[in-house]
Amino acid sequence: MIDIPSDGNERLAVVGGALLIASAFLPWASIDVLGTTTTSNGFSGMGYLAPLAGAISLWVVYMREWTAFETKVTTAVGALTVLSLGVLYTSLENVFAAGYPAHYVTVSPEPGIFVAFLASALVTVGGYRGMRAVGDDLSAREAGSLEASS
C-alpha cells in the first residue's frame, strides 16, 4: 500500500509529480496540416521532460527523507519544468510541426500542456514551502542548542 505523506508540502509535490506523469498521456497540441488534424501528447518534442520531472519528484519524496537537500531538488525540478514548458508553449509550431511547410500548419494548445503547467507549479510550491519549513525547523533547533549551551 502506498503511504500518503503527512506533511502538506510533500503532498503537494506528490500530487504535482503524479499529475506531471499523467499529463504526458493527454493531448498537448492539436496540429492542423492542410485540413488534416492530429494531436500530439507529452511524449513528443521536449514533452518527455514532464513525466521525467514527475518521476524525480515522486522519487525524492518517497525514497528519501524530506530534508533541506530534497526540498531544494524538488523546487529546482519544478521550476526547471515550468521554464521548459514555457519555452515549449511559446514555440509550439516549431516543436510539433517540424518537417511541415510553416504556412500550411496551424498548431493550437490542448489541455495536457496546461495540466503539466499546473502540476509543475505544484511541485515547485511544495518544494519551496518544504524548503522554508525545513529551514525554520533548523533555525529553531540551532537557537535551542545555543540556549542550551549558554
N, C-alpha and C. Protein backbone atom coordinates (compact mmCIF):
# COMPACT_ATOMS: atom_id res chain seq x y z
N MET A 1 0.83 -1.17 0.00
CA MET A 1 0.00 0.00 0.00
C MET A 1 0.88 1.24 0.00
N ILE A 2 0.46 2.26 -0.69
CA ILE A 2 1.23 3.49 -0.80
C ILE A 2 0.95 4.36 0.43
N ASP A 3 2.02 4.82 1.05
CA ASP A 3 1.89 5.72 2.19
C ASP A 3 1.72 7.14 1.69
N ILE A 4 0.70 7.82 2.19
CA ILE A 4 0.50 9.22 1.83
C ILE A 4 1.31 10.06 2.80
N PRO A 5 2.13 10.97 2.28
CA PRO A 5 2.96 11.79 3.17
C PRO A 5 2.09 12.60 4.14
N SER A 6 2.56 12.74 5.37
CA SER A 6 1.81 13.50 6.37
C SER A 6 2.04 15.00 6.22
N ASP A 7 3.18 15.41 5.69
CA ASP A 7 3.49 16.82 5.50
C ASP A 7 2.75 17.35 4.27
N GLY A 8 2.08 18.48 4.43
CA GLY A 8 1.33 19.07 3.33
C GLY A 8 2.20 19.45 2.15
N ASN A 9 3.42 19.86 2.40
CA ASN A 9 4.33 20.24 1.32
C ASN A 9 4.76 19.02 0.51
N GLU A 10 4.98 17.92 1.20
CA GLU A 10 5.29 16.67 0.49
C GLU A 10 4.10 16.23 -0.35
N ARG A 11 2.90 16.39 0.21
CA ARG A 11 1.69 16.01 -0.55
C ARG A 11 1.56 16.84 -1.82
N LEU A 12 1.85 18.15 -1.74
CA LEU A 12 1.81 18.99 -2.94
C LEU A 12 2.78 18.48 -3.99
N ALA A 13 3.99 18.13 -3.56
CA ALA A 13 4.99 17.63 -4.51
C ALA A 13 4.55 16.29 -5.11
N VAL A 14 3.92 15.44 -4.30
CA VAL A 14 3.46 14.13 -4.80
C VAL A 14 2.33 14.31 -5.80
N VAL A 15 1.35 15.15 -5.47
CA VAL A 15 0.24 15.38 -6.40
C VAL A 15 0.76 15.99 -7.69
N GLY A 16 1.66 16.96 -7.58
CA GLY A 16 2.25 17.57 -8.78
C GLY A 16 3.02 16.56 -9.61
N GLY A 17 3.81 15.71 -8.95
CA GLY A 17 4.58 14.70 -9.68
C GLY A 17 3.68 13.71 -10.40
N ALA A 18 2.63 13.26 -9.71
CA ALA A 18 1.69 12.32 -10.35
C ALA A 18 0.97 12.97 -11.52
N LEU A 19 0.58 14.24 -11.36
CA LEU A 19 -0.07 14.94 -12.46
C LEU A 19 0.87 15.17 -13.64
N LEU A 20 2.15 15.40 -13.35
CA LEU A 20 3.12 15.55 -14.44
C LEU A 20 3.21 14.27 -15.28
N ILE A 21 3.23 13.15 -14.59
CA ILE A 21 3.28 11.88 -15.32
C ILE A 21 1.99 11.67 -16.11
N ALA A 22 0.85 11.94 -15.48
CA ALA A 22 -0.44 11.75 -16.16
C ALA A 22 -0.60 12.71 -17.34
N SER A 23 -0.07 13.93 -17.20
CA SER A 23 -0.24 14.93 -18.27
C SER A 23 0.44 14.51 -19.56
N ALA A 24 1.45 13.69 -19.48
CA ALA A 24 2.16 13.27 -20.69
C ALA A 24 1.27 12.42 -21.59
N PHE A 25 0.25 11.79 -21.03
CA PHE A 25 -0.64 10.95 -21.82
C PHE A 25 -1.79 11.74 -22.42
N LEU A 26 -1.99 12.97 -21.97
CA LEU A 26 -3.04 13.82 -22.51
C LEU A 26 -2.55 14.51 -23.78
N PRO A 27 -3.47 14.97 -24.63
CA PRO A 27 -3.02 15.72 -25.82
C PRO A 27 -2.47 17.08 -25.42
N TRP A 28 -1.31 17.44 -25.98
CA TRP A 28 -0.67 18.71 -25.68
C TRP A 28 -0.86 19.74 -26.78
N ALA A 29 -0.98 19.27 -28.00
CA ALA A 29 -1.13 20.20 -29.12
C ALA A 29 -1.98 19.56 -30.20
N SER A 30 -2.77 20.38 -30.84
CA SER A 30 -3.55 19.97 -32.00
C SER A 30 -2.86 20.57 -33.23
N ILE A 31 -2.51 19.72 -34.18
CA ILE A 31 -1.76 20.16 -35.35
C ILE A 31 -2.64 19.99 -36.58
N ASP A 32 -2.87 21.08 -37.27
CA ASP A 32 -3.69 21.06 -38.48
C ASP A 32 -2.78 21.33 -39.67
N VAL A 33 -2.64 20.33 -40.54
CA VAL A 33 -1.82 20.47 -41.74
C VAL A 33 -2.71 20.21 -42.94
N LEU A 34 -2.96 21.27 -43.71
CA LEU A 34 -3.79 21.17 -44.93
C LEU A 34 -5.13 20.49 -44.67
N GLY A 35 -5.78 20.85 -43.57
CA GLY A 35 -7.09 20.30 -43.26
C GLY A 35 -7.09 18.99 -42.51
N THR A 36 -5.97 18.38 -42.34
CA THR A 36 -5.86 17.13 -41.58
C THR A 36 -5.38 17.46 -40.18
N THR A 37 -6.17 17.07 -39.17
CA THR A 37 -5.82 17.41 -37.79
C THR A 37 -5.37 16.18 -37.04
N THR A 38 -4.26 16.32 -36.33
CA THR A 38 -3.76 15.28 -35.44
C THR A 38 -3.45 15.92 -34.09
N THR A 39 -3.35 15.11 -33.08
CA THR A 39 -2.94 15.62 -31.78
C THR A 39 -1.62 14.99 -31.39
N SER A 40 -0.90 15.69 -30.55
CA SER A 40 0.39 15.21 -30.07
C SER A 40 0.36 15.24 -28.55
N ASN A 41 0.87 14.17 -27.95
CA ASN A 41 0.86 14.12 -26.48
C ASN A 41 2.20 14.59 -25.92
N GLY A 42 2.37 14.43 -24.61
CA GLY A 42 3.57 14.92 -23.94
C GLY A 42 4.84 14.15 -24.22
N PHE A 43 4.77 13.09 -24.99
CA PHE A 43 5.98 12.34 -25.30
C PHE A 43 6.61 12.80 -26.61
N SER A 44 6.10 13.87 -27.20
CA SER A 44 6.67 14.43 -28.43
C SER A 44 7.51 15.64 -28.10
N GLY A 45 8.53 15.87 -28.85
CA GLY A 45 9.37 17.05 -28.65
C GLY A 45 10.02 17.05 -27.28
N MET A 46 9.93 18.19 -26.60
CA MET A 46 10.51 18.33 -25.26
C MET A 46 9.56 17.84 -24.17
N GLY A 47 8.39 17.39 -24.53
CA GLY A 47 7.40 16.99 -23.55
C GLY A 47 7.80 15.82 -22.67
N TYR A 48 8.76 15.02 -23.11
CA TYR A 48 9.19 13.88 -22.30
C TYR A 48 9.80 14.33 -20.97
N LEU A 49 10.16 15.60 -20.85
CA LEU A 49 10.71 16.10 -19.60
C LEU A 49 9.67 16.13 -18.49
N ALA A 50 8.40 16.28 -18.84
CA ALA A 50 7.35 16.34 -17.82
C ALA A 50 7.22 15.03 -17.03
N PRO A 51 7.07 13.87 -17.68
CA PRO A 51 6.99 12.66 -16.87
C PRO A 51 8.30 12.35 -16.15
N LEU A 52 9.43 12.73 -16.74
CA LEU A 52 10.71 12.54 -16.07
C LEU A 52 10.78 13.39 -14.79
N ALA A 53 10.36 14.64 -14.88
CA ALA A 53 10.34 15.51 -13.70
C ALA A 53 9.36 14.99 -12.65
N GLY A 54 8.22 14.46 -13.11
CA GLY A 54 7.26 13.88 -12.17
C GLY A 54 7.83 12.69 -11.45
N ALA A 55 8.54 11.84 -12.18
CA ALA A 55 9.15 10.66 -11.56
C ALA A 55 10.24 11.06 -10.57
N ILE A 56 11.01 12.09 -10.90
CA ILE A 56 12.05 12.55 -9.98
C ILE A 56 11.43 13.10 -8.71
N SER A 57 10.39 13.90 -8.84
CA SER A 57 9.78 14.47 -7.64
C SER A 57 9.13 13.39 -6.78
N LEU A 58 8.51 12.39 -7.40
CA LEU A 58 7.95 11.29 -6.62
C LEU A 58 9.05 10.49 -5.93
N TRP A 59 10.15 10.26 -6.63
CA TRP A 59 11.27 9.51 -6.05
C TRP A 59 11.86 10.26 -4.86
N VAL A 60 12.02 11.57 -5.00
CA VAL A 60 12.61 12.36 -3.92
C VAL A 60 11.73 12.30 -2.67
N VAL A 61 10.42 12.37 -2.85
CA VAL A 61 9.52 12.38 -1.69
C VAL A 61 9.43 10.99 -1.06
N TYR A 62 9.29 9.94 -1.88
CA TYR A 62 9.04 8.61 -1.33
C TYR A 62 10.29 7.83 -0.95
N MET A 63 11.39 8.04 -1.64
CA MET A 63 12.57 7.21 -1.41
C MET A 63 13.62 7.87 -0.52
N ARG A 64 13.43 9.11 -0.20
CA ARG A 64 14.42 9.82 0.60
C ARG A 64 13.73 10.55 1.74
N GLU A 65 14.51 10.89 2.76
CA GLU A 65 13.96 11.68 3.86
C GLU A 65 13.80 13.12 3.39
N TRP A 66 12.74 13.78 3.82
CA TRP A 66 12.41 15.13 3.39
C TRP A 66 13.26 16.12 4.18
N THR A 67 14.47 16.38 3.68
CA THR A 67 15.40 17.29 4.33
C THR A 67 15.63 18.50 3.44
N ALA A 68 16.51 19.39 3.86
CA ALA A 68 16.77 20.62 3.10
C ALA A 68 17.23 20.32 1.67
N PHE A 69 18.10 19.33 1.49
CA PHE A 69 18.58 19.00 0.15
C PHE A 69 17.45 18.53 -0.76
N GLU A 70 16.60 17.65 -0.24
CA GLU A 70 15.50 17.12 -1.04
C GLU A 70 14.50 18.20 -1.42
N THR A 71 14.25 19.14 -0.49
CA THR A 71 13.32 20.22 -0.82
C THR A 71 13.90 21.12 -1.90
N LYS A 72 15.21 21.34 -1.87
CA LYS A 72 15.85 22.15 -2.90
C LYS A 72 15.81 21.46 -4.25
N VAL A 73 16.04 20.15 -4.26
CA VAL A 73 15.97 19.39 -5.51
C VAL A 73 14.55 19.44 -6.07
N THR A 74 13.56 19.26 -5.22
CA THR A 74 12.16 19.30 -5.66
C THR A 74 11.81 20.67 -6.22
N THR A 75 12.23 21.73 -5.56
CA THR A 75 11.97 23.08 -6.05
C THR A 75 12.63 23.30 -7.40
N ALA A 76 13.88 22.87 -7.53
CA ALA A 76 14.61 23.06 -8.79
C ALA A 76 13.96 22.27 -9.93
N VAL A 77 13.55 21.04 -9.65
CA VAL A 77 12.91 20.22 -10.68
C VAL A 77 11.62 20.88 -11.15
N GLY A 78 10.82 21.35 -10.20
CA GLY A 78 9.56 22.01 -10.56
C GLY A 78 9.79 23.29 -11.34
N ALA A 79 10.73 24.11 -10.89
CA ALA A 79 11.00 25.38 -11.57
C ALA A 79 11.55 25.16 -12.97
N LEU A 80 12.46 24.22 -13.12
CA LEU A 80 13.01 23.93 -14.46
C LEU A 80 11.93 23.38 -15.39
N THR A 81 11.00 22.62 -14.84
CA THR A 81 9.91 22.11 -15.67
C THR A 81 8.98 23.23 -16.10
N VAL A 82 8.69 24.16 -15.19
CA VAL A 82 7.87 25.33 -15.57
C VAL A 82 8.55 26.10 -16.69
N LEU A 83 9.85 26.34 -16.55
CA LEU A 83 10.59 27.08 -17.58
C LEU A 83 10.61 26.34 -18.91
N SER A 84 10.86 25.04 -18.89
CA SER A 84 10.91 24.30 -20.15
C SER A 84 9.53 24.23 -20.80
N LEU A 85 8.47 24.14 -19.99
CA LEU A 85 7.12 24.15 -20.55
C LEU A 85 6.79 25.52 -21.13
N GLY A 86 7.30 26.58 -20.52
CA GLY A 86 7.11 27.91 -21.08
C GLY A 86 7.77 28.05 -22.44
N VAL A 87 8.98 27.53 -22.56
CA VAL A 87 9.67 27.54 -23.85
C VAL A 87 8.90 26.71 -24.86
N LEU A 88 8.43 25.56 -24.43
CA LEU A 88 7.67 24.69 -25.32
C LEU A 88 6.38 25.36 -25.78
N TYR A 89 5.68 26.03 -24.85
CA TYR A 89 4.41 26.68 -25.19
C TYR A 89 4.62 27.82 -26.18
N THR A 90 5.68 28.59 -25.98
CA THR A 90 5.92 29.72 -26.88
C THR A 90 6.42 29.30 -28.25
N SER A 91 6.88 28.07 -28.37
CA SER A 91 7.39 27.60 -29.66
C SER A 91 6.66 26.34 -30.13
N LEU A 92 5.35 26.28 -29.88
CA LEU A 92 4.57 25.09 -30.25
C LEU A 92 4.72 24.72 -31.72
N GLU A 93 4.64 25.70 -32.58
CA GLU A 93 4.71 25.39 -34.01
C GLU A 93 6.07 24.86 -34.41
N ASN A 94 7.13 25.36 -33.79
CA ASN A 94 8.48 24.89 -34.12
C ASN A 94 8.72 23.47 -33.63
N VAL A 95 8.14 23.12 -32.47
CA VAL A 95 8.39 21.81 -31.88
C VAL A 95 7.52 20.73 -32.51
N PHE A 96 6.22 20.99 -32.58
CA PHE A 96 5.30 19.94 -33.00
C PHE A 96 5.09 19.87 -34.51
N ALA A 97 5.39 20.92 -35.24
CA ALA A 97 5.14 20.92 -36.68
C ALA A 97 6.43 20.86 -37.48
N ALA A 98 7.47 20.34 -36.90
CA ALA A 98 8.75 20.23 -37.60
C ALA A 98 8.60 19.33 -38.82
N GLY A 99 9.12 19.77 -39.92
CA GLY A 99 9.07 18.98 -41.14
C GLY A 99 7.93 19.35 -42.07
N TYR A 100 7.04 20.24 -41.63
CA TYR A 100 5.93 20.67 -42.49
C TYR A 100 6.19 22.11 -42.94
N PRO A 101 5.69 22.50 -44.10
CA PRO A 101 5.81 23.90 -44.52
C PRO A 101 5.05 24.80 -43.54
N ALA A 102 5.69 25.86 -43.07
CA ALA A 102 5.15 26.69 -41.99
C ALA A 102 3.81 27.34 -42.34
N HIS A 103 3.62 27.75 -43.57
CA HIS A 103 2.39 28.45 -43.91
C HIS A 103 1.19 27.50 -44.07
N TYR A 104 1.39 26.20 -44.01
CA TYR A 104 0.30 25.24 -44.08
C TYR A 104 -0.05 24.64 -42.72
N VAL A 105 0.63 25.08 -41.69
CA VAL A 105 0.49 24.44 -40.38
C VAL A 105 -0.14 25.40 -39.38
N THR A 106 -1.13 24.87 -38.64
CA THR A 106 -1.71 25.60 -37.51
C THR A 106 -1.60 24.70 -36.29
N VAL A 107 -0.99 25.21 -35.24
CA VAL A 107 -0.82 24.44 -34.01
C VAL A 107 -1.53 25.18 -32.88
N SER A 108 -2.37 24.47 -32.15
CA SER A 108 -3.05 25.08 -31.00
C SER A 108 -2.85 24.21 -29.77
N PRO A 109 -2.74 24.85 -28.61
CA PRO A 109 -2.51 24.09 -27.38
C PRO A 109 -3.74 23.28 -26.98
N GLU A 110 -3.50 22.17 -26.32
CA GLU A 110 -4.54 21.28 -25.80
C GLU A 110 -4.40 21.20 -24.29
N PRO A 111 -5.35 20.58 -23.60
CA PRO A 111 -5.35 20.58 -22.12
C PRO A 111 -4.12 19.97 -21.46
N GLY A 112 -3.46 19.04 -22.08
CA GLY A 112 -2.32 18.37 -21.45
C GLY A 112 -1.20 19.31 -21.05
N ILE A 113 -0.92 20.30 -21.88
CA ILE A 113 0.18 21.22 -21.56
C ILE A 113 -0.20 22.11 -20.38
N PHE A 114 -1.48 22.44 -20.25
CA PHE A 114 -1.92 23.25 -19.12
C PHE A 114 -1.91 22.45 -17.83
N VAL A 115 -2.27 21.18 -17.91
CA VAL A 115 -2.18 20.30 -16.73
C VAL A 115 -0.72 20.18 -16.30
N ALA A 116 0.19 20.08 -17.26
CA ALA A 116 1.62 19.98 -16.94
C ALA A 116 2.12 21.27 -16.28
N PHE A 117 1.65 22.43 -16.75
CA PHE A 117 2.00 23.70 -16.11
C PHE A 117 1.55 23.71 -14.65
N LEU A 118 0.29 23.35 -14.43
CA LEU A 118 -0.27 23.33 -13.08
C LEU A 118 0.51 22.35 -12.20
N ALA A 119 0.78 21.17 -12.72
CA ALA A 119 1.49 20.14 -11.95
C ALA A 119 2.90 20.58 -11.59
N SER A 120 3.61 21.18 -12.54
CA SER A 120 4.97 21.63 -12.23
C SER A 120 4.95 22.80 -11.24
N ALA A 121 3.91 23.63 -11.30
CA ALA A 121 3.77 24.69 -10.30
C ALA A 121 3.54 24.09 -8.91
N LEU A 122 2.74 23.02 -8.83
CA LEU A 122 2.52 22.35 -7.54
C LEU A 122 3.81 21.76 -6.99
N VAL A 123 4.61 21.16 -7.85
CA VAL A 123 5.89 20.60 -7.41
C VAL A 123 6.80 21.73 -6.90
N THR A 124 6.84 22.83 -7.63
CA THR A 124 7.68 23.97 -7.22
C THR A 124 7.22 24.54 -5.88
N VAL A 125 5.92 24.76 -5.73
CA VAL A 125 5.39 25.32 -4.49
C VAL A 125 5.61 24.36 -3.33
N GLY A 126 5.35 23.07 -3.53
CA GLY A 126 5.58 22.09 -2.47
C GLY A 126 7.03 22.05 -2.04
N GLY A 127 7.95 22.08 -3.00
CA GLY A 127 9.37 22.08 -2.67
C GLY A 127 9.80 23.35 -1.97
N TYR A 128 9.32 24.49 -2.45
CA TYR A 128 9.70 25.77 -1.86
C TYR A 128 9.16 25.90 -0.43
N ARG A 129 7.89 25.55 -0.26
CA ARG A 129 7.31 25.62 1.09
C ARG A 129 8.00 24.62 2.02
N GLY A 130 8.35 23.46 1.50
CA GLY A 130 9.09 22.48 2.29
C GLY A 130 10.47 23.00 2.67
N MET A 131 11.10 23.71 1.73
CA MET A 131 12.42 24.28 1.98
C MET A 131 12.33 25.31 3.10
N ARG A 132 11.31 26.13 3.08
CA ARG A 132 11.14 27.13 4.13
C ARG A 132 10.82 26.47 5.46
N ALA A 133 9.98 25.43 5.45
CA ALA A 133 9.62 24.75 6.70
C ALA A 133 10.83 24.04 7.30
N VAL A 134 11.61 23.37 6.46
CA VAL A 134 12.81 22.69 6.96
C VAL A 134 13.81 23.71 7.47
N GLY A 135 13.94 24.84 6.77
CA GLY A 135 14.84 25.90 7.23
C GLY A 135 14.40 26.48 8.56
N ASP A 136 13.08 26.65 8.76
CA ASP A 136 12.57 27.15 10.04
C ASP A 136 12.85 26.16 11.15
N ASP A 137 12.70 24.86 10.87
CA ASP A 137 13.00 23.83 11.88
C ASP A 137 14.48 23.85 12.26
N LEU A 138 15.35 24.00 11.25
CA LEU A 138 16.78 24.05 11.53
C LEU A 138 17.12 25.28 12.36
N SER A 139 16.52 26.42 12.03
CA SER A 139 16.79 27.64 12.79
C SER A 139 16.34 27.49 14.23
N ALA A 140 15.18 26.88 14.44
CA ALA A 140 14.67 26.68 15.79
C ALA A 140 15.59 25.73 16.57
N ARG A 141 16.07 24.66 15.92
CA ARG A 141 16.97 23.73 16.58
C ARG A 141 18.30 24.39 16.93
N GLU A 142 18.83 25.20 16.00
CA GLU A 142 20.08 25.90 16.27
C GLU A 142 19.93 26.88 17.41
N ALA A 143 18.81 27.60 17.44
CA ALA A 143 18.56 28.55 18.52
C ALA A 143 18.43 27.81 19.86
N GLY A 144 17.77 26.66 19.84
CA GLY A 144 17.62 25.86 21.05
C GLY A 144 18.95 25.31 21.54
N SER A 145 19.82 24.91 20.61
CA SER A 145 21.12 24.37 21.03
C SER A 145 22.03 25.48 21.55
N LEU A 146 21.87 26.70 21.02
CA LEU A 146 22.66 27.82 21.53
C LEU A 146 22.21 28.19 22.94
N GLU A 147 20.90 28.15 23.19
CA GLU A 147 20.39 28.45 24.53
C GLU A 147 20.82 27.39 25.53
N ALA A 148 20.82 26.14 25.10
CA ALA A 148 21.20 25.05 25.99
C ALA A 148 22.68 25.11 26.37
N SER A 149 23.52 25.59 25.44
CA SER A 149 24.95 25.64 25.72
C SER A 149 25.33 26.85 26.57
N SER A 150 24.43 27.84 26.69
CA SER A 150 24.73 29.04 27.48
C SER A 150 24.53 28.84 28.94
